[in-house]
Protein backbone atom coordinates (compact mmCIF):
# COMPACT_ATOMS: atom_id res chain seq x y z
CA UNK A 1 88.27 151.30 75.02
CA UNK A 2 84.63 151.69 75.99
CA UNK A 3 83.02 149.09 78.26
CA UNK A 4 80.81 146.57 76.47
CA UNK A 5 78.15 144.30 77.98
CA UNK A 6 77.25 141.25 75.92
CA UNK A 7 74.32 139.11 76.99
CA UNK A 8 75.38 135.54 76.27
CA UNK A 9 72.03 134.11 77.23
CA UNK A 10 68.88 134.14 79.27
CA UNK A 11 68.05 130.66 80.51
CA UNK A 12 64.73 129.34 81.85
CA UNK A 13 65.19 127.92 85.32
CA UNK A 14 63.26 124.85 86.43
CA UNK A 15 62.77 125.66 90.11
CA UNK A 16 61.15 123.46 92.74
CA UNK A 17 57.87 125.22 93.56
CA UNK A 18 57.23 123.16 96.69
CA UNK A 19 60.68 123.95 98.09
CA UNK A 20 60.33 127.65 97.28
CA UNK A 21 56.91 127.72 98.94
CA UNK A 22 58.28 126.02 102.06
CA UNK A 23 61.20 128.47 102.32
CA UNK A 24 59.04 131.55 101.82
CA UNK A 25 55.91 130.59 103.76
CA UNK A 26 57.06 127.62 105.83
CA UNK A 27 54.98 126.90 108.87
CA UNK A 28 52.69 129.91 108.83
CA UNK A 29 49.68 127.64 108.88
CA UNK A 30 48.19 129.02 105.67
CA UNK A 31 44.85 127.56 104.66
CA UNK A 32 42.15 127.88 102.04
CA UNK A 33 42.19 130.95 99.82
CA UNK A 34 45.28 132.43 101.49
CA UNK A 35 47.21 129.22 100.81
CA UNK A 36 46.08 129.17 97.15
CA UNK A 37 46.97 132.85 96.68
CA UNK A 38 50.46 132.42 98.15
CA UNK A 39 51.10 129.32 96.06
CA UNK A 40 49.94 131.17 92.91
CA UNK A 41 52.35 134.00 93.77
CA UNK A 42 55.27 131.54 93.98
CA UNK A 43 54.24 129.86 90.72
CA UNK A 44 54.09 133.24 88.94
CA UNK A 45 57.47 134.32 90.29
CA UNK A 46 59.20 131.09 89.34
CA UNK A 47 57.56 130.86 85.92
CA UNK A 48 59.38 134.09 85.03
CA UNK A 49 62.72 133.20 86.60
CA UNK A 50 65.80 133.25 84.37
CA UNK A 51 69.53 132.85 84.73
CA UNK A 52 71.28 135.67 82.85
CA UNK A 53 74.83 135.14 81.56
CA UNK A 54 76.92 138.17 80.62
CA UNK A 55 80.36 138.98 79.31
CA UNK A 56 81.64 142.42 80.32
CA UNK A 57 84.64 143.73 78.41
CA UNK A 58 86.76 146.75 79.32
CA UNK A 59 84.85 147.42 82.55
CA UNK A 60 85.80 150.46 84.51
CA UNK A 61 85.06 151.95 87.94
CA UNK A 62 81.40 152.47 86.98
CA UNK A 63 80.73 148.72 86.95
CA UNK A 64 78.23 147.76 89.65
CA UNK A 65 76.11 144.65 89.32
CA UNK A 66 73.54 146.42 91.49
CA UNK A 67 72.83 148.68 88.49
CA UNK A 68 71.61 145.73 86.43
CA UNK A 69 67.82 145.45 86.22
CA UNK A 70 64.94 145.67 83.79
CA UNK A 71 63.40 149.15 83.55
CA UNK A 72 60.14 149.32 85.47
CA UNK A 73 61.12 146.42 87.73
CA UNK A 74 62.54 146.44 91.22
CA UNK A 75 64.12 143.01 90.70
CA UNK A 76 67.89 143.01 91.10
CA UNK A 77 70.49 140.33 90.32
CA UNK A 78 70.16 137.45 92.77
CA UNK A 79 72.82 134.94 93.80
CA UNK A 80 75.42 136.10 91.28
CA UNK A 81 78.52 134.13 90.40
CA UNK A 82 81.63 135.31 88.60
CA UNK A 83 82.89 132.64 86.24
CA UNK A 84 86.10 131.70 84.50
CA UNK A 85 86.45 133.16 80.98
CA UNK A 86 85.17 129.90 79.45
CA UNK A 87 82.22 129.73 81.88
CA UNK A 88 83.09 126.36 83.40
CA UNK A 89 84.25 127.36 86.91
CA UNK A 90 83.01 129.69 89.64
CA UNK A 91 85.80 132.12 90.56
CA UNK A 92 83.85 134.13 93.14
CA UNK A 93 80.35 134.42 94.60
CA UNK A 94 80.94 137.88 96.07
CA UNK A 95 83.53 140.12 94.44
CA UNK A 96 84.28 140.34 90.72
CA UNK A 97 87.74 138.99 89.91
CA UNK A 98 90.27 141.15 88.12
CA UNK A 99 90.12 138.96 85.02
CA UNK A 100 89.26 140.43 81.63
CA UNK A 101 86.75 139.90 80.23
CA UNK A 102 84.42 139.43 83.20
CA UNK A 103 81.91 136.59 82.88
CA UNK A 104 79.01 136.72 85.33
CA UNK A 105 75.71 134.93 85.84
CA UNK A 106 72.79 135.86 88.08
CA UNK A 107 69.17 134.96 88.57
CA UNK A 108 66.48 137.49 87.76
CA UNK A 109 62.92 137.05 89.02
CA UNK A 110 59.82 138.28 87.15
CA UNK A 111 61.76 138.50 83.88
CA UNK A 112 60.02 140.22 80.97
CA UNK A 113 61.42 138.88 77.65
CA UNK A 114 60.61 142.00 75.60
CA UNK A 115 62.27 144.38 78.09
CA UNK A 116 65.98 145.26 77.82
CA UNK A 117 68.45 145.01 80.67
CA UNK A 118 69.71 148.24 82.20
CA UNK A 119 73.43 148.03 83.03
CA UNK A 120 76.11 150.30 84.41
CA UNK A 121 76.81 151.25 80.78
CA UNK A 122 73.31 151.60 79.34
CA UNK A 123 70.64 149.27 78.04
CA UNK A 124 71.27 145.98 76.25
CA UNK A 125 68.79 143.63 74.65
CA UNK A 126 68.27 140.16 76.06
CA UNK A 127 67.65 137.15 73.82
CA UNK A 128 64.59 134.97 74.28
CA UNK A 129 65.07 132.48 77.11
CA UNK A 130 66.38 129.03 76.25
CA UNK A 131 67.29 125.97 78.32
CA UNK A 132 70.11 126.26 80.84
CA UNK A 133 73.32 124.92 79.25
CA UNK A 134 74.60 121.68 80.75
CA UNK A 135 77.79 123.37 81.99
CA UNK A 136 75.70 125.70 84.21
CA UNK A 137 73.05 123.31 85.54
CA UNK A 138 75.12 121.91 88.41
CA UNK A 139 77.55 124.82 88.60
CA UNK A 140 74.86 127.41 89.42
CA UNK A 141 71.95 125.75 91.23
CA UNK A 142 68.95 127.91 92.13
CA UNK A 143 68.30 128.38 95.83
CA UNK A 144 64.91 130.02 96.49
CA UNK A 145 64.86 133.37 98.27
CA UNK A 146 62.82 133.82 101.41
């Protein structure tokens, strides 16, 4: 059978802007216009942050989460987690388990809702972002990148 990627959801992430700013810019002593510009950059990045949830059926040796991105963007999956088939447990944070189907979530920065997702098996459409389901809120917390 041919591999199939199903996007189960794109979820808006409520990230802590102050924490993200501190991690990225910390104690650089930014002031004035530079401080405002850096804060605006963080706000823009986090306003377009989503958690993507996928189900991959019949994957083969071509599967590589590193292939997943939106065309025209350099943003790659961040902080991925491979979940149990019902999406209630993290099975791995590094290597995909052998289970079938494969359920995976990852964060994607600078998400563009009208742009499809490129995968190891071609492009798939992504639904409009909705709220993060309760089962994922504590299971997959967002940790800002530096």
